[in-house]
Amino acid sequence: SRVRTNAQGVLSDMKLPATDAFKLILENDAWICIRPSGTDPKIKIAVCAPSRKAAEDQLKLIKTGFQPVQ
């Protein structure tokens, strides 16, 4: 795996565990995990944040980046 590690766009090799999920660590101890459903043709999004409102705000922001498949 190659990961961008700084603002200049330099890529570095990085050992990552094998997974079909993407977890993004945010500021203030918040995170977002996106993964495919194991049984249905859809994705699952989990959000963890310091408050319910902060989690709902993050989820709304994430949903704006997805378009339904028709």
PDB file of N, CA and C in Angstrom:
ATOM      1  N   SER A   1       0.843  -1.181   0.000  1.00  0.00           N
ATOM      2  CA  SER A   1       0.000   0.000   0.000  1.00  0.00           C
ATOM      3  C   SER A   1       0.879   1.232   0.000  1.00  0.00           C
ATOM      4  N   ARG A   2       0.381   2.276  -0.660  1.00  0.00           N
ATOM      5  CA  ARG A   2       1.100   3.544  -0.653  1.00  0.00           C
ATOM      6  C   ARG A   2       0.154   4.597  -0.102  1.00  0.00           C
ATOM      7  N   VAL A   3       0.659   5.417   0.775  1.00  0.00           N
ATOM      8  CA  VAL A   3      -0.159   6.399   1.465  1.00  0.00           C
ATOM      9  C   VAL A   3       0.485   7.765   1.343  1.00  0.00           C
ATOM     10  N   ARG A   4      -0.323   8.776   1.040  1.00  0.00           N
ATOM     11  CA  ARG A   4       0.186  10.138   1.037  1.00  0.00           C
ATOM     12  C   ARG A   4       0.364  10.558   2.488  1.00  0.00           C
ATOM     13  N   THR A   5       1.571  10.979   2.829  1.00  0.00           N
ATOM     14  CA  THR A   5       1.879  11.249   4.231  1.00  0.00           C
ATOM     15  C   THR A   5       2.093  12.719   4.547  1.00  0.00           C
ATOM     16  N   ASN A   6       2.049  13.587   3.542  1.00  0.00           N
ATOM     17  CA  ASN A   6       2.207  15.004   3.849  1.00  0.00           C
ATOM     18  C   ASN A   6       1.536  15.852   2.780  1.00  0.00           C
ATOM     19  N   ALA A   7       1.449  17.147   3.029  1.00  0.00           N
ATOM     20  CA  ALA A   7       0.733  18.054   2.138  1.00  0.00           C
ATOM     21  C   ALA A   7       1.411  18.214   0.784  1.00  0.00           C
ATOM     22  N   GLN A   8       2.689  17.879   0.664  1.00  0.00           N
ATOM     23  CA  GLN A   8       3.385  18.010  -0.612  1.00  0.00           C
ATOM     24  C   GLN A   8       3.086  16.839  -1.544  1.00  0.00           C
ATOM     25  N   GLY A   9       2.348  15.858  -1.098  1.00  0.00           N
ATOM     26  CA  GLY A   9       1.956  14.746  -1.948  1.00  0.00           C
ATOM     27  C   GLY A   9       2.972  13.632  -2.054  1.00  0.00           C
ATOM     28  N   VAL A  10       3.923  13.570  -1.133  1.00  0.00           N
ATOM     29  CA  VAL A  10       4.923  12.509  -1.146  1.00  0.00           C
ATOM     30  C   VAL A  10       4.266  11.208  -0.711  1.00  0.00           C
ATOM     31  N   LEU A  11       4.498  10.137  -1.471  1.00  0.00           N
ATOM     32  CA  LEU A  11       3.950   8.832  -1.119  1.00  0.00           C
ATOM     33  C   LEU A  11       5.006   7.997  -0.430  1.00  0.00           C
ATOM     34  N   SER A  12       4.604   7.279   0.598  1.00  0.00           N
ATOM     35  CA  SER A  12       5.508   6.405   1.338  1.00  0.00           C
ATOM     36  C   SER A  12       4.894   5.021   1.429  1.00  0.00           C
ATOM     37  N   ASP A  13       5.751   3.989   1.447  1.00  0.00           N
ATOM     38  CA  ASP A  13       5.261   2.633   1.667  1.00  0.00           C
ATOM     39  C   ASP A  13       4.781   2.513   3.102  1.00  0.00           C
ATOM     40  N   MET A  14       3.712   1.755   3.289  1.00  0.00           N
ATOM     41  CA  MET A  14       3.142   1.609   4.622  1.00  0.00           C
ATOM     42  C   MET A  14       2.509   0.231   4.722  1.00  0.00           C
ATOM     43  N   LYS A  15       2.756  -0.483   5.789  1.00  0.00           N
ATOM     44  CA  LYS A  15       2.126  -1.785   6.017  1.00  0.00           C
ATOM     45  C   LYS A  15       0.732  -1.547   6.586  1.00  0.00           C
ATOM     46  N   LEU A  16      -0.267  -2.094   5.926  1.00  0.00           N
ATOM     47  CA  LEU A  16      -1.643  -1.967   6.378  1.00  0.00           C
ATOM     48  C   LEU A  16      -2.273  -3.351   6.469  1.00  0.00           C
ATOM     49  N   PRO A  17      -3.162  -3.572   7.437  1.00  0.00           N
ATOM     50  CA  PRO A  17      -3.836  -4.869   7.511  1.00  0.00           C
ATOM     51  C   PRO A  17      -4.800  -5.033   6.332  1.00  0.00           C
ATOM     52  N   ALA A  18      -4.976  -6.260   5.885  1.00  0.00           N
ATOM     53  CA  ALA A  18      -5.919  -6.534   4.798  1.00  0.00           C
ATOM     54  C   ALA A  18      -7.341  -6.319   5.309  1.00  0.00           C
ATOM     55  N   THR A  19      -8.097  -5.496   4.615  1.00  0.00           N
ATOM     56  CA  THR A  19      -9.474  -5.220   5.005  1.00  0.00           C
ATOM     57  C   THR A  19     -10.229  -4.665   3.811  1.00  0.00           C
ATOM     58  N   ASP A  20     -11.535  -4.735   3.861  1.00  0.00           N
ATOM     59  CA  ASP A  20     -12.341  -4.130   2.811  1.00  0.00           C
ATOM     60  C   ASP A  20     -13.023  -2.864   3.328  1.00  0.00           C
ATOM     61  N   ALA A  21     -12.479  -2.289   4.379  1.00  0.00           N
ATOM     62  CA  ALA A  21     -13.041  -1.082   4.979  1.00  0.00           C
ATOM     63  C   ALA A  21     -12.056   0.074   4.859  1.00  0.00           C
ATOM     64  N   PHE A  22     -12.597   1.267   4.888  1.00  0.00           N
ATOM     65  CA  PHE A  22     -11.798   2.481   4.873  1.00  0.00           C
ATOM     66  C   PHE A  22     -12.145   3.252   6.136  1.00  0.00           C
ATOM     67  N   LYS A  23     -11.165   3.498   6.992  1.00  0.00           N
ATOM     68  CA  LYS A  23     -11.403   4.226   8.230  1.00  0.00           C
ATOM     69  C   LYS A  23     -10.588   5.506   8.203  1.00  0.00           C
ATOM     70  N   LEU A  24     -11.271   6.608   8.397  1.00  0.00           N
ATOM     71  CA  LEU A  24     -10.646   7.919   8.391  1.00  0.00           C
ATOM     72  C   LEU A  24     -10.695   8.480   9.804  1.00  0.00           C
ATOM     73  N   ILE A  25      -9.525   8.753  10.365  1.00  0.00           N
ATOM     74  CA  ILE A  25      -9.444   9.322  11.707  1.00  0.00           C
ATOM     75  C   ILE A  25      -9.519  10.840  11.576  1.00  0.00           C
ATOM     76  N   LEU A  26     -10.436  11.451  12.293  1.00  0.00           N
ATOM     77  CA  LEU A  26     -10.652  12.893  12.240  1.00  0.00           C
ATOM     78  C   LEU A  26     -10.153  13.549  13.521  1.00  0.00           C
ATOM     79  N   GLU A  27     -10.230  14.852  13.568  1.00  0.00           N
ATOM     80  CA  GLU A  27      -9.826  15.553  14.790  1.00  0.00           C
ATOM     81  C   GLU A  27     -10.871  15.341  15.886  1.00  0.00           C
ATOM     82  N   ASN A  28     -10.539  15.693  17.094  1.00  0.00           N
ATOM     83  CA  ASN A  28     -11.441  15.595  18.257  1.00  0.00           C
ATOM     84  C   ASN A  28     -11.908  14.174  18.540  1.00  0.00           C
ATOM     85  N   ASP A  29     -11.045  13.180  18.321  1.00  0.00           N
ATOM     86  CA  ASP A  29     -11.363  11.777  18.604  1.00  0.00           C
ATOM     87  C   ASP A  29     -12.537  11.241  17.790  1.00  0.00           C
ATOM     88  N   ALA A  30     -12.799  11.811  16.634  1.00  0.00           N
ATOM     89  CA  ALA A  30     -13.874  11.332  15.767  1.00  0.00           C
ATOM     90  C   ALA A  30     -13.285  10.455  14.668  1.00  0.00           C
ATOM     91  N   TRP A  31     -14.102   9.550  14.124  1.00  0.00           N
ATOM     92  CA  TRP A  31     -13.680   8.731  12.990  1.00  0.00           C
ATOM     93  C   TRP A  31     -14.879   8.329  12.154  1.00  0.00           C
ATOM     94  N   ILE A  32     -14.588   7.918  10.921  1.00  0.00           N
ATOM     95  CA  ILE A  32     -15.594   7.450   9.975  1.00  0.00           C
ATOM     96  C   ILE A  32     -15.086   6.142   9.384  1.00  0.00           C
ATOM     97  N   CYS A  33     -15.948   5.148   9.289  1.00  0.00           N
ATOM     98  CA  CYS A  33     -15.582   3.875   8.674  1.00  0.00           C
ATOM     99  C   CYS A  33     -16.598   3.577   7.566  1.00  0.00           C
ATOM    100  N   ILE A  34     -16.087   3.295   6.362  1.00  0.00           N
ATOM    101  CA  ILE A  34     -16.933   2.973   5.214  1.00  0.00           C
ATOM    102  C   ILE A  34     -16.546   1.580   4.730  1.00  0.00           C
ATOM    103  N   ARG A  35     -17.548   0.707   4.570  1.00  0.00           N
ATOM    104  CA  ARG A  35     -17.262  -0.660   4.133  1.00  0.00           C
ATOM    105  C   ARG A  35     -18.454  -1.202   3.358  1.00  0.00           C
ATOM    106  N   PRO A  36     -18.208  -2.216   2.531  1.00  0.00           N
ATOM    107  CA  PRO A  36     -19.339  -2.827   1.829  1.00  0.00           C
ATOM    108  C   PRO A  36     -20.148  -3.708   2.779  1.00  0.00           C
ATOM    109  N   SER A  37     -21.429  -3.842   2.488  1.00  0.00           N
ATOM    110  CA  SER A  37     -22.260  -4.779   3.236  1.00  0.00           C
ATOM    111  C   SER A  37     -21.822  -6.191   2.881  1.00  0.00           C
ATOM    112  N   GLY A  38     -21.884  -7.076   3.831  1.00  0.00           N
ATOM    113  CA  GLY A  38     -21.528  -8.462   3.558  1.00  0.00           C
ATOM    114  C   GLY A  38     -22.637  -9.252   2.888  1.00  0.00           C
ATOM    115  N   THR A  39     -23.867  -8.717   2.897  1.00  0.00           N
ATOM    116  CA  THR A  39     -25.002  -9.476   2.373  1.00  0.00           C
ATOM    117  C   THR A  39     -25.817  -8.739   1.321  1.00  0.00           C
ATOM    118  N   ASP A  40     -25.714  -7.427   1.263  1.00  0.00           N
ATOM    119  CA  ASP A  40     -26.529  -6.635   0.342  1.00  0.00           C
ATOM    120  C   ASP A  40     -25.640  -5.783  -0.561  1.00  0.00           C
ATOM    121  N   PRO A  41     -26.143  -5.371  -1.722  1.00  0.00           N
ATOM    122  CA  PRO A  41     -25.361  -4.516  -2.620  1.00  0.00           C
ATOM    123  C   PRO A  41     -25.406  -3.048  -2.183  1.00  0.00           C
ATOM    124  N   LYS A  42     -24.815  -2.770  -1.046  1.00  0.00           N
ATOM    125  CA  LYS A  42     -24.793  -1.401  -0.518  1.00  0.00           C
ATOM    126  C   LYS A  42     -23.557  -1.220   0.348  1.00  0.00           C
ATOM    127  N   ILE A  43     -23.298   0.019   0.721  1.00  0.00           N
ATOM    128  CA  ILE A  43     -22.186   0.286   1.628  1.00  0.00           C
ATOM    129  C   ILE A  43     -22.731   0.640   3.000  1.00  0.00           C
ATOM    130  N   LYS A  44     -21.907   0.440   3.995  1.00  0.00           N
ATOM    131  CA  LYS A  44     -22.255   0.787   5.372  1.00  0.00           C
ATOM    132  C   LYS A  44     -21.303   1.888   5.823  1.00  0.00           C
ATOM    133  N   ILE A  45     -21.835   2.863   6.530  1.00  0.00           N
ATOM    134  CA  ILE A  45     -21.036   3.973   7.037  1.00  0.00           C
ATOM    135  C   ILE A  45     -21.243   4.052   8.541  1.00  0.00           C
ATOM    136  N   ALA A  46     -20.148   4.010   9.279  1.00  0.00           N
ATOM    137  CA  ALA A  46     -20.197   4.174  10.731  1.00  0.00           C
ATOM    138  C   ALA A  46     -19.461   5.464  11.072  1.00  0.00           C
ATOM    139  N   VAL A  47     -20.043   6.249  11.957  1.00  0.00           N
ATOM    140  CA  VAL A  47     -19.450   7.517  12.368  1.00  0.00           C
ATOM    141  C   VAL A  47     -19.368   7.541  13.884  1.00  0.00           C
ATOM    142  N   CYS A  48     -18.228   7.942  14.402  1.00  0.00           N
ATOM    143  CA  CYS A  48     -18.048   8.108  15.839  1.00  0.00           C
ATOM    144  C   CYS A  48     -17.551   9.532  16.073  1.00  0.00           C
ATOM    145  N   ALA A  49     -18.194  10.250  16.963  1.00  0.00           N
ATOM    146  CA  ALA A  49     -17.819  11.636  17.258  1.00  0.00           C
ATOM    147  C   ALA A  49     -18.121  11.929  18.722  1.00  0.00           C
ATOM    148  N   PRO A  50     -17.579  13.020  19.244  1.00  0.00           N
ATOM    149  CA  PRO A  50     -17.789  13.347  20.659  1.00  0.00           C
ATOM    150  C   PRO A  50     -19.251  13.579  21.042  1.00  0.00           C
ATOM    151  N   SER A  51     -20.093  13.962  20.077  1.00  0.00           N
ATOM    152  CA  SER A  51     -21.508  14.180  20.388  1.00  0.00           C
ATOM    153  C   SER A  51     -22.370  13.642  19.246  1.00  0.00           C
ATOM    154  N   ARG A  52     -23.627  13.417  19.532  1.00  0.00           N
ATOM    155  CA  ARG A  52     -24.549  12.932  18.503  1.00  0.00           C
ATOM    156  C   ARG A  52     -24.664  13.943  17.363  1.00  0.00           C
ATOM    157  N   LYS A  53     -24.754  15.225  17.704  1.00  0.00           N
ATOM    158  CA  LYS A  53     -24.864  16.263  16.672  1.00  0.00           C
ATOM    159  C   LYS A  53     -23.635  16.278  15.776  1.00  0.00           C
ATOM    160  N   ALA A  54     -22.448  16.157  16.361  1.00  0.00           N
ATOM    161  CA  ALA A  54     -21.216  16.137  15.564  1.00  0.00           C
ATOM    162  C   ALA A  54     -21.207  14.929  14.625  1.00  0.00           C
ATOM    163  N   ALA A  55     -21.666  13.778  15.105  1.00  0.00           N
ATOM    164  CA  ALA A  55     -21.729  12.575  14.269  1.00  0.00           C
ATOM    165  C   ALA A  55     -22.737  12.762  13.134  1.00  0.00           C
ATOM    166  N   GLU A  56     -23.900  13.323  13.436  1.00  0.00           N
ATOM    167  CA  GLU A  56     -24.909  13.561  12.404  1.00  0.00           C
ATOM    168  C   GLU A  56     -24.401  14.549  11.357  1.00  0.00           C
ATOM    169  N   ASP A  57     -23.680  15.586  11.791  1.00  0.00           N
ATOM    170  CA  ASP A  57     -23.109  16.559  10.853  1.00  0.00           C
ATOM    171  C   ASP A  57     -22.088  15.892   9.933  1.00  0.00           C
ATOM    172  N   GLN A  58     -21.236  15.033  10.488  1.00  0.00           N
ATOM    173  CA  GLN A  58     -20.250  14.317   9.676  1.00  0.00           C
ATOM    174  C   GLN A  58     -20.942  13.397   8.674  1.00  0.00           C
ATOM    175  N   LEU A  59     -21.974  12.701   9.109  1.00  0.00           N
ATOM    176  CA  LEU A  59     -22.699  11.785   8.229  1.00  0.00           C
ATOM    177  C   LEU A  59     -23.359  12.537   7.073  1.00  0.00           C
ATOM    178  N   LYS A  60     -23.952  13.687   7.353  1.00  0.00           N
ATOM    179  CA  LYS A  60     -24.554  14.496   6.286  1.00  0.00           C
ATOM    180  C   LYS A  60     -23.501  14.902   5.263  1.00  0.00           C
ATOM    181  N   LEU A  61     -22.340  15.307   5.743  1.00  0.00           N
ATOM    182  CA  LEU A  61     -21.258  15.713   4.852  1.00  0.00           C
ATOM    183  C   LEU A  61     -20.800  14.551   3.973  1.00  0.00           C
ATOM    184  N   ILE A  62     -20.675  13.372   4.557  1.00  0.00           N
ATOM    185  CA  ILE A  62     -20.251  12.190   3.802  1.00  0.00           C
ATOM    186  C   ILE A  62     -21.285  11.835   2.738  1.00  0.00           C
ATOM    187  N   LYS A  63     -22.544  11.855   3.096  1.00  0.00           N
ATOM    188  CA  LYS A  63     -23.607  11.458   2.167  1.00  0.00           C
ATOM    189  C   LYS A  63     -23.654  12.346   0.931  1.00  0.00           C
ATOM    190  N   THR A  64     -23.204  13.591   1.031  1.00  0.00           N
ATOM    191  CA  THR A  64     -23.222  14.477  -0.136  1.00  0.00           C
ATOM    192  C   THR A  64     -22.263  13.992  -1.217  1.00  0.00           C
ATOM    193  N   GLY A  65     -21.285  13.169  -0.856  1.00  0.00           N
ATOM    194  CA  GLY A  65     -20.317  12.668  -1.823  1.00  0.00           C
ATOM    195  C   GLY A  65     -20.737  11.396  -2.533  1.00  0.00           C
ATOM    196  N   PHE A  66     -21.874  10.829  -2.189  1.00  0.00           N
ATOM    197  CA  PHE A  66     -22.336   9.581  -2.795  1.00  0.00           C
ATOM    198  C   PHE A  66     -23.561   9.828  -3.668  1.00  0.00           C
ATOM    199  N   GLN A  67     -23.613   9.132  -4.794  1.00  0.00           N
ATOM    200  CA  GLN A  67     -24.754   9.206  -5.703  1.00  0.00           C
ATOM    201  C   GLN A  67     -25.375   7.817  -5.806  1.00  0.00           C
ATOM    202  N   PRO A  68     -26.704   7.721  -5.813  1.00  0.00           N
ATOM    203  CA  PRO A  68     -27.328   6.399  -5.967  1.00  0.00           C
ATOM    204  C   PRO A  68     -27.062   5.821  -7.356  1.00  0.00           C
ATOM    205  N   VAL A  69     -26.964   4.516  -7.431  1.00  0.00           N
ATOM    206  CA  VAL A  69     -26.785   3.814  -8.700  1.00  0.00           C
ATOM    207  C   VAL A  69     -28.166   3.522  -9.261  1.00  0.00           C
ATOM    208  N   GLN A  70     -28.369   3.863 -10.518  1.00  0.00           N
ATOM    209  CA  GLN A  70     -29.692   3.649 -11.118  1.00  0.00           C
ATOM    210  C   GLN A  70     -29.613   2.690 -12.267  1.00  0.00           C
TER     211      GLN A  70
END
